[in-house]
Amino acid sequence: MKIQISSGLGTGPTKLAAFDSSLNAAGVANFNLLKLSSVIPPKSEIVIRKDGEPSKVPGNWGDKLYVVMAETRVDTPNVEAWAGIGWVQDKKTRRGLFVEHEGNSEEAVRRDIKQSLEALMATRNVDFGNINMHVVGLVCTHYPVCALVVAVYKSSDWE
């Protein structure tokens, strides 16, 4: 299974419009998102979508899209919006864990991701090795903003 990490930064006249703008930037705006917990199945490959690269999410308008998602919306000028997903994976089996965090500073989001993954591994008494993360953010200047990161598992239709 390929799991695509994608991110988007958006702005709009309302927080909801900013969220939709960030979904569009991440390439997942036309799906119905279903949030998952944070377990990475064995044999999974994590692929990070580069900024400006077309989305590789297969599916059609309105399909279900299974994701782990971090998103934060801000409408106060000079306040930052940050979102991030972190993950660990066993090198052999490729099984692992995701965590998602949001906040008002990059430092806080990165710290929370690291501490959460360390705790999740300790709870399971397993060391998956290096902690990876994808974190994005922006500052609200006038209109509401949204920072979003998604880990896309798969899409499916409604039949």
N, C-alpha and C. Protein backbone atom coordinates (compact mmCIF):
# COMPACT_ATOMS: atom_id res chain seq x y z
N MET A 1 0.84 -1.18 0.00
CA MET A 1 0.00 0.00 0.00
C MET A 1 0.88 1.24 0.00
N LYS A 2 0.53 2.21 -0.85
CA LYS A 2 1.20 3.51 -0.84
C LYS A 2 0.32 4.49 -0.08
N ILE A 3 0.92 5.16 0.89
CA ILE A 3 0.22 6.20 1.63
C ILE A 3 0.87 7.53 1.28
N GLN A 4 0.08 8.43 0.70
CA GLN A 4 0.59 9.72 0.25
C GLN A 4 0.41 10.78 1.32
N ILE A 5 1.50 11.46 1.67
CA ILE A 5 1.44 12.61 2.57
C ILE A 5 1.32 13.85 1.69
N SER A 6 0.29 14.64 1.96
CA SER A 6 0.06 15.84 1.17
C SER A 6 -0.30 16.97 2.12
N SER A 7 0.03 18.20 1.74
CA SER A 7 -0.28 19.34 2.60
C SER A 7 -0.86 20.47 1.78
N GLY A 8 -1.55 21.36 2.48
CA GLY A 8 -2.12 22.52 1.82
C GLY A 8 -2.25 23.68 2.80
N LEU A 9 -2.02 24.86 2.28
CA LEU A 9 -2.22 26.11 3.03
C LEU A 9 -3.31 26.88 2.31
N GLY A 10 -4.29 27.37 3.06
CA GLY A 10 -5.39 28.06 2.42
C GLY A 10 -5.83 29.30 3.16
N THR A 11 -6.52 30.15 2.42
CA THR A 11 -7.09 31.36 2.99
C THR A 11 -8.46 31.58 2.36
N GLY A 12 -9.32 32.30 3.06
CA GLY A 12 -10.65 32.57 2.54
C GLY A 12 -11.39 33.54 3.44
N PRO A 13 -12.60 33.92 3.04
CA PRO A 13 -13.36 34.90 3.82
C PRO A 13 -13.90 34.34 5.15
N THR A 14 -13.94 33.00 5.27
CA THR A 14 -14.36 32.35 6.52
C THR A 14 -13.37 31.23 6.82
N LYS A 15 -13.42 30.72 8.05
CA LYS A 15 -12.55 29.59 8.41
C LYS A 15 -12.86 28.37 7.54
N LEU A 16 -14.15 28.15 7.26
CA LEU A 16 -14.52 27.01 6.42
C LEU A 16 -13.98 27.17 5.01
N ALA A 17 -14.06 28.37 4.46
CA ALA A 17 -13.53 28.62 3.12
C ALA A 17 -12.01 28.44 3.11
N ALA A 18 -11.33 28.84 4.18
CA ALA A 18 -9.88 28.64 4.28
C ALA A 18 -9.56 27.15 4.33
N PHE A 19 -10.36 26.37 5.07
CA PHE A 19 -10.19 24.93 5.13
C PHE A 19 -10.35 24.31 3.74
N ASP A 20 -11.41 24.71 3.02
CA ASP A 20 -11.62 24.18 1.68
C ASP A 20 -10.47 24.54 0.75
N SER A 21 -9.95 25.74 0.89
CA SER A 21 -8.81 26.17 0.07
C SER A 21 -7.58 25.29 0.36
N SER A 22 -7.37 24.94 1.62
CA SER A 22 -6.23 24.08 1.96
C SER A 22 -6.46 22.66 1.45
N LEU A 23 -7.70 22.17 1.49
CA LEU A 23 -7.99 20.85 0.92
C LEU A 23 -7.68 20.83 -0.57
N ASN A 24 -8.07 21.91 -1.25
CA ASN A 24 -7.80 22.02 -2.69
C ASN A 24 -6.29 22.02 -2.96
N ALA A 25 -5.55 22.78 -2.17
CA ALA A 25 -4.09 22.84 -2.34
C ALA A 25 -3.44 21.47 -2.09
N ALA A 26 -4.04 20.69 -1.21
CA ALA A 26 -3.51 19.35 -0.90
C ALA A 26 -3.97 18.30 -1.91
N GLY A 27 -4.91 18.67 -2.78
CA GLY A 27 -5.38 17.73 -3.80
C GLY A 27 -6.46 16.78 -3.35
N VAL A 28 -7.18 17.13 -2.27
CA VAL A 28 -8.20 16.22 -1.74
C VAL A 28 -9.56 16.91 -1.55
N ALA A 29 -9.79 18.03 -2.21
CA ALA A 29 -11.00 18.83 -1.97
C ALA A 29 -12.29 18.16 -2.43
N ASN A 30 -12.24 17.31 -3.41
CA ASN A 30 -13.48 16.77 -3.99
C ASN A 30 -13.84 15.39 -3.48
N PHE A 31 -13.30 15.02 -2.32
CA PHE A 31 -13.59 13.74 -1.69
C PHE A 31 -14.35 13.96 -0.38
N ASN A 32 -15.02 12.93 0.10
CA ASN A 32 -15.59 12.90 1.44
C ASN A 32 -14.56 12.25 2.35
N LEU A 33 -13.98 13.03 3.24
CA LEU A 33 -12.88 12.54 4.06
C LEU A 33 -13.39 11.74 5.25
N LEU A 34 -12.77 10.58 5.46
CA LEU A 34 -13.06 9.73 6.61
C LEU A 34 -11.78 9.61 7.41
N LYS A 35 -11.81 10.16 8.64
CA LYS A 35 -10.61 10.18 9.47
C LYS A 35 -10.35 8.81 10.08
N LEU A 36 -9.10 8.41 10.00
CA LEU A 36 -8.64 7.15 10.57
C LEU A 36 -7.83 7.41 11.83
N SER A 37 -7.66 6.37 12.63
CA SER A 37 -6.70 6.46 13.72
C SER A 37 -5.31 6.37 13.11
N SER A 38 -4.33 5.98 13.85
CA SER A 38 -2.97 6.25 13.41
C SER A 38 -2.09 5.03 13.16
N VAL A 39 -2.66 3.92 12.73
CA VAL A 39 -1.86 2.72 12.53
C VAL A 39 -1.53 2.56 11.04
N ILE A 40 -0.24 2.37 10.76
CA ILE A 40 0.23 2.14 9.40
C ILE A 40 0.29 0.62 9.17
N PRO A 41 -0.44 0.11 8.19
CA PRO A 41 -0.42 -1.33 7.94
C PRO A 41 0.95 -1.82 7.46
N PRO A 42 1.26 -3.11 7.69
CA PRO A 42 2.52 -3.67 7.18
C PRO A 42 2.62 -3.49 5.66
N LYS A 43 3.84 -3.44 5.19
CA LYS A 43 4.17 -3.33 3.76
C LYS A 43 3.74 -2.00 3.15
N SER A 44 3.57 -0.96 3.96
CA SER A 44 3.16 0.34 3.46
C SER A 44 4.38 1.19 3.08
N GLU A 45 4.22 1.94 2.01
CA GLU A 45 5.25 2.88 1.57
C GLU A 45 4.69 4.30 1.73
N ILE A 46 5.44 5.14 2.43
CA ILE A 46 5.03 6.53 2.64
C ILE A 46 5.67 7.38 1.53
N VAL A 47 4.84 8.13 0.81
CA VAL A 47 5.29 8.97 -0.29
C VAL A 47 4.86 10.40 0.01
N ILE A 48 5.80 11.34 0.01
CA ILE A 48 5.47 12.74 0.29
C ILE A 48 5.27 13.48 -1.03
N ARG A 49 4.09 14.08 -1.17
CA ARG A 49 3.78 14.88 -2.36
C ARG A 49 4.48 16.22 -2.23
N LYS A 50 5.26 16.57 -3.23
CA LYS A 50 5.98 17.84 -3.21
C LYS A 50 5.03 18.99 -3.56
N ASP A 51 5.32 20.19 -3.03
CA ASP A 51 4.51 21.37 -3.33
C ASP A 51 4.43 21.57 -4.83
N GLY A 52 3.24 21.83 -5.33
CA GLY A 52 3.04 22.08 -6.75
C GLY A 52 2.89 20.82 -7.59
N GLU A 53 3.25 19.68 -7.03
CA GLU A 53 3.11 18.41 -7.75
C GLU A 53 1.64 18.01 -7.80
N PRO A 54 1.16 17.50 -8.92
CA PRO A 54 -0.24 17.08 -8.98
C PRO A 54 -0.51 15.96 -7.98
N SER A 55 -1.71 15.97 -7.44
CA SER A 55 -2.10 14.92 -6.50
C SER A 55 -2.17 13.58 -7.22
N LYS A 56 -1.74 12.53 -6.53
CA LYS A 56 -1.79 11.20 -7.10
C LYS A 56 -2.91 10.38 -6.46
N VAL A 57 -3.89 11.07 -5.90
CA VAL A 57 -4.99 10.39 -5.24
C VAL A 57 -5.97 9.89 -6.30
N PRO A 58 -6.11 8.56 -6.42
CA PRO A 58 -7.08 8.04 -7.40
C PRO A 58 -8.49 8.15 -6.84
N GLY A 59 -9.45 8.27 -7.73
CA GLY A 59 -10.83 8.32 -7.30
C GLY A 59 -11.60 9.39 -8.05
N ASN A 60 -12.88 9.44 -7.74
CA ASN A 60 -13.78 10.35 -8.44
C ASN A 60 -14.46 11.30 -7.46
N TRP A 61 -15.07 12.32 -8.01
CA TRP A 61 -15.79 13.33 -7.25
C TRP A 61 -16.74 12.65 -6.26
N GLY A 62 -16.62 12.99 -4.98
CA GLY A 62 -17.53 12.49 -3.97
C GLY A 62 -17.18 11.15 -3.37
N ASP A 63 -16.12 10.49 -3.86
CA ASP A 63 -15.71 9.21 -3.29
C ASP A 63 -15.28 9.38 -1.84
N LYS A 64 -15.30 8.29 -1.09
CA LYS A 64 -14.78 8.27 0.28
C LYS A 64 -13.25 8.27 0.20
N LEU A 65 -12.61 9.04 1.05
CA LEU A 65 -11.15 9.07 1.09
C LEU A 65 -10.72 8.88 2.54
N TYR A 66 -9.98 7.81 2.77
CA TYR A 66 -9.54 7.45 4.11
C TYR A 66 -8.22 8.16 4.41
N VAL A 67 -8.21 8.96 5.48
CA VAL A 67 -7.04 9.80 5.78
C VAL A 67 -6.77 9.87 7.28
N VAL A 68 -5.51 10.12 7.61
CA VAL A 68 -5.12 10.67 8.90
C VAL A 68 -4.91 12.15 8.60
N MET A 69 -5.47 13.04 9.42
CA MET A 69 -5.44 14.46 9.07
C MET A 69 -5.15 15.34 10.27
N ALA A 70 -4.30 16.34 10.04
CA ALA A 70 -4.05 17.41 11.00
C ALA A 70 -4.44 18.71 10.30
N GLU A 71 -5.24 19.52 10.97
CA GLU A 71 -5.62 20.81 10.38
C GLU A 71 -5.96 21.79 11.47
N THR A 72 -5.58 23.03 11.23
CA THR A 72 -5.91 24.10 12.16
C THR A 72 -6.33 25.33 11.38
N ARG A 73 -7.32 26.03 11.93
CA ARG A 73 -7.87 27.23 11.28
C ARG A 73 -7.73 28.41 12.23
N VAL A 74 -7.32 29.54 11.70
CA VAL A 74 -7.09 30.75 12.51
C VAL A 74 -7.71 31.95 11.79
N ASP A 75 -8.39 32.81 12.55
CA ASP A 75 -8.94 34.03 11.96
C ASP A 75 -8.52 35.29 12.71
N THR A 76 -7.50 35.17 13.56
CA THR A 76 -6.99 36.31 14.31
C THR A 76 -5.69 36.81 13.66
N PRO A 77 -5.65 38.07 13.22
CA PRO A 77 -4.44 38.59 12.60
C PRO A 77 -3.21 38.41 13.49
N ASN A 78 -2.10 38.08 12.87
CA ASN A 78 -0.79 37.88 13.49
C ASN A 78 -0.68 36.59 14.32
N VAL A 79 -1.68 35.72 14.23
CA VAL A 79 -1.61 34.41 14.89
C VAL A 79 -1.25 33.37 13.84
N GLU A 80 -0.38 32.44 14.22
CA GLU A 80 0.09 31.40 13.30
C GLU A 80 -0.80 30.17 13.36
N ALA A 81 -0.90 29.47 12.24
CA ALA A 81 -1.62 28.19 12.13
C ALA A 81 -0.63 27.14 11.63
N TRP A 82 -0.42 26.09 12.42
CA TRP A 82 0.51 25.02 12.06
C TRP A 82 -0.17 23.66 12.19
N ALA A 83 0.16 22.76 11.28
CA ALA A 83 -0.36 21.39 11.32
C ALA A 83 0.75 20.45 10.88
N GLY A 84 0.76 19.25 11.45
CA GLY A 84 1.78 18.29 11.06
C GLY A 84 1.38 16.86 11.35
N ILE A 85 1.96 15.97 10.56
CA ILE A 85 1.82 14.54 10.77
C ILE A 85 3.22 13.98 10.92
N GLY A 86 3.38 13.12 11.93
CA GLY A 86 4.64 12.43 12.13
C GLY A 86 4.41 10.93 12.03
N TRP A 87 5.48 10.21 11.72
CA TRP A 87 5.33 8.76 11.61
C TRP A 87 6.64 8.05 11.91
N VAL A 88 6.48 6.79 12.27
CA VAL A 88 7.59 5.85 12.46
C VAL A 88 7.20 4.56 11.76
N GLN A 89 8.22 3.86 11.23
CA GLN A 89 7.98 2.60 10.54
C GLN A 89 9.11 1.63 10.79
N ASP A 90 8.74 0.38 10.97
CA ASP A 90 9.72 -0.69 11.06
C ASP A 90 10.35 -0.88 9.68
N LYS A 91 11.68 -0.94 9.62
CA LYS A 91 12.36 -1.04 8.32
C LYS A 91 12.06 -2.34 7.59
N LYS A 92 11.86 -3.42 8.33
CA LYS A 92 11.60 -4.72 7.71
C LYS A 92 10.15 -4.90 7.29
N THR A 93 9.26 -4.74 8.24
CA THR A 93 7.84 -5.03 7.98
C THR A 93 7.10 -3.85 7.37
N ARG A 94 7.63 -2.63 7.53
CA ARG A 94 7.03 -1.37 7.07
C ARG A 94 5.72 -1.04 7.82
N ARG A 95 5.45 -1.74 8.92
CA ARG A 95 4.31 -1.36 9.76
C ARG A 95 4.74 -0.19 10.63
N GLY A 96 3.78 0.57 11.12
CA GLY A 96 4.17 1.71 11.93
C GLY A 96 3.00 2.49 12.50
N LEU A 97 3.28 3.74 12.83
CA LEU A 97 2.31 4.61 13.48
C LEU A 97 2.38 6.03 12.93
N PHE A 98 1.23 6.66 12.83
CA PHE A 98 1.12 8.08 12.53
C PHE A 98 0.64 8.81 13.78
N VAL A 99 0.99 10.09 13.92
CA VAL A 99 0.33 10.99 14.86
C VAL A 99 0.10 12.31 14.14
N GLU A 100 -0.92 13.03 14.59
CA GLU A 100 -1.24 14.31 13.98
C GLU A 100 -1.38 15.35 15.08
N HIS A 101 -0.82 16.52 14.80
CA HIS A 101 -0.90 17.61 15.78
C HIS A 101 -1.10 18.94 15.09
N GLU A 102 -1.71 19.86 15.82
CA GLU A 102 -1.94 21.23 15.36
C GLU A 102 -1.52 22.19 16.45
N GLY A 103 -1.21 23.44 16.06
CA GLY A 103 -0.86 24.43 17.07
C GLY A 103 -0.58 25.78 16.47
N ASN A 104 -0.10 26.69 17.32
CA ASN A 104 0.18 28.06 16.89
C ASN A 104 1.65 28.35 16.72
N SER A 105 2.49 27.27 16.72
CA SER A 105 3.92 27.46 16.40
C SER A 105 4.48 26.16 15.84
N GLU A 106 5.43 26.31 14.96
CA GLU A 106 6.09 25.14 14.38
C GLU A 106 6.78 24.33 15.46
N GLU A 107 7.45 25.01 16.37
CA GLU A 107 8.18 24.34 17.45
C GLU A 107 7.25 23.47 18.30
N ALA A 108 6.08 23.99 18.64
CA ALA A 108 5.13 23.23 19.47
C ALA A 108 4.62 21.99 18.74
N VAL A 109 4.31 22.13 17.46
CA VAL A 109 3.80 20.99 16.69
C VAL A 109 4.87 19.92 16.56
N ARG A 110 6.09 20.32 16.25
CA ARG A 110 7.18 19.34 16.13
C ARG A 110 7.45 18.64 17.47
N ARG A 111 7.42 19.39 18.55
CA ARG A 111 7.63 18.81 19.89
C ARG A 111 6.53 17.80 20.22
N ASP A 112 5.29 18.18 19.96
CA ASP A 112 4.17 17.30 20.26
C ASP A 112 4.22 16.02 19.43
N ILE A 113 4.58 16.13 18.17
CA ILE A 113 4.70 14.95 17.32
C ILE A 113 5.76 14.01 17.89
N LYS A 114 6.91 14.55 18.22
CA LYS A 114 8.01 13.72 18.75
C LYS A 114 7.59 13.04 20.05
N GLN A 115 7.03 13.81 20.98
CA GLN A 115 6.64 13.25 22.27
C GLN A 115 5.53 12.20 22.12
N SER A 116 4.59 12.44 21.24
CA SER A 116 3.51 11.47 21.04
C SER A 116 4.02 10.17 20.45
N LEU A 117 4.87 10.26 19.43
CA LEU A 117 5.39 9.03 18.83
C LEU A 117 6.25 8.25 19.81
N GLU A 118 7.04 8.94 20.60
CA GLU A 118 7.83 8.26 21.62
C GLU A 118 6.93 7.53 22.62
N ALA A 119 5.84 8.18 23.01
CA ALA A 119 4.91 7.58 23.96
C ALA A 119 4.17 6.39 23.35
N LEU A 120 3.73 6.52 22.09
CA LEU A 120 3.02 5.42 21.43
C LEU A 120 3.92 4.20 21.28
N MET A 121 5.18 4.42 20.96
CA MET A 121 6.11 3.29 20.86
C MET A 121 6.36 2.67 22.23
N ALA A 122 6.48 3.50 23.26
CA ALA A 122 6.70 2.98 24.61
C ALA A 122 5.50 2.16 25.08
N THR A 123 4.29 2.64 24.79
CA THR A 123 3.08 1.90 25.16
C THR A 123 3.06 0.51 24.54
N ARG A 124 3.56 0.42 23.31
CA ARG A 124 3.57 -0.84 22.59
C ARG A 124 4.85 -1.65 22.83
N ASN A 125 5.78 -1.05 23.58
CA ASN A 125 7.07 -1.69 23.85
C ASN A 125 7.79 -2.08 22.55
N VAL A 126 7.83 -1.11 21.61
CA VAL A 126 8.46 -1.33 20.32
C VAL A 126 9.20 -0.05 19.92
N ASP A 127 10.33 -0.22 19.25
CA ASP A 127 11.10 0.92 18.75
C ASP A 127 11.13 0.83 17.24
N PHE A 128 10.37 1.70 16.58
CA PHE A 128 10.32 1.70 15.13
C PHE A 128 11.45 2.53 14.51
N GLY A 129 12.30 3.14 15.34
CA GLY A 129 13.43 3.89 14.80
C GLY A 129 13.14 5.37 14.63
N ASN A 130 13.69 5.92 13.54
CA ASN A 130 13.64 7.37 13.29
C ASN A 130 12.23 7.91 13.21
N ILE A 131 12.07 9.11 13.76
CA ILE A 131 10.81 9.84 13.66
C ILE A 131 10.87 10.74 12.45
N ASN A 132 9.83 10.63 11.61
CA ASN A 132 9.69 11.45 10.40
C ASN A 132 8.50 12.37 10.60
N MET A 133 8.55 13.52 9.97
CA MET A 133 7.39 14.42 10.06
C MET A 133 7.30 15.36 8.88
N HIS A 134 6.07 15.78 8.62
CA HIS A 134 5.78 16.79 7.60
C HIS A 134 4.92 17.84 8.28
N VAL A 135 5.44 19.07 8.37
CA VAL A 135 4.79 20.15 9.12
C VAL A 135 4.70 21.38 8.21
N VAL A 136 3.53 22.03 8.22
CA VAL A 136 3.34 23.25 7.43
C VAL A 136 2.62 24.30 8.27
N GLY A 137 2.80 25.56 7.90
CA GLY A 137 2.13 26.61 8.63
C GLY A 137 2.16 27.94 7.91
N LEU A 138 1.35 28.87 8.41
CA LEU A 138 1.31 30.23 7.88
C LEU A 138 0.74 31.16 8.94
N VAL A 139 0.87 32.45 8.68
CA VAL A 139 0.39 33.47 9.61
C VAL A 139 -0.87 34.11 9.04
N CYS A 140 -1.86 34.29 9.89
CA CYS A 140 -3.07 35.00 9.49
C CYS A 140 -2.73 36.50 9.41
N THR A 141 -2.99 37.09 8.27
CA THR A 141 -2.71 38.53 8.13
C THR A 141 -4.01 39.34 8.07
N HIS A 142 -4.98 38.84 7.31
CA HIS A 142 -6.24 39.56 7.20
C HIS A 142 -7.41 38.58 7.20
N TYR A 143 -7.47 37.75 6.18
CA TYR A 143 -8.51 36.72 6.08
C TYR A 143 -8.13 35.48 6.88
N PRO A 144 -9.11 34.66 7.25
CA PRO A 144 -8.83 33.40 7.94
C PRO A 144 -7.91 32.51 7.11
N VAL A 145 -7.12 31.69 7.81
CA VAL A 145 -6.17 30.77 7.17
C VAL A 145 -6.36 29.36 7.73
N CYS A 146 -5.86 28.40 6.98
CA CYS A 146 -5.88 27.01 7.42
C CYS A 146 -4.60 26.32 6.97
N ALA A 147 -3.99 25.57 7.89
CA ALA A 147 -2.84 24.71 7.58
C ALA A 147 -3.32 23.27 7.73
N LEU A 148 -2.98 22.43 6.75
CA LEU A 148 -3.49 21.07 6.72
C LEU A 148 -2.43 20.10 6.21
N VAL A 149 -2.35 18.94 6.84
CA VAL A 149 -1.52 17.83 6.35
C VAL A 149 -2.38 16.58 6.41
N VAL A 150 -2.39 15.80 5.32
CA VAL A 150 -3.14 14.55 5.28
C VAL A 150 -2.24 13.40 4.87
N ALA A 151 -2.50 12.25 5.45
CA ALA A 151 -1.91 10.99 5.01
C ALA A 151 -3.05 10.22 4.36
N VAL A 152 -2.98 10.07 3.04
CA VAL A 152 -4.06 9.48 2.26
C VAL A 152 -3.81 7.98 2.09
N TYR A 153 -4.73 7.18 2.61
CA TYR A 153 -4.64 5.73 2.48
C TYR A 153 -5.21 5.24 1.16
N LYS A 154 -6.50 5.47 0.94
CA LYS A 154 -7.13 5.03 -0.32
C LYS A 154 -8.49 5.68 -0.45
N SER A 155 -9.03 5.61 -1.65
CA SER A 155 -10.39 6.08 -1.89
C SER A 155 -11.25 4.88 -2.26
N SER A 156 -12.55 5.06 -2.07
CA SER A 156 -13.48 4.03 -2.53
C SER A 156 -14.80 4.70 -2.88
N ASP A 157 -15.52 4.08 -3.81
CA ASP A 157 -16.81 4.65 -4.19
C ASP A 157 -17.87 4.22 -3.18
N TRP A 158 -19.10 4.54 -3.44
CA TRP A 158 -20.17 4.30 -2.49
C TRP A 158 -20.92 2.99 -2.76
N GLU A 159 -20.46 2.22 -3.70
CA GLU A 159 -21.16 0.96 -4.00
C GLU A 159 -20.49 -0.22 -3.34
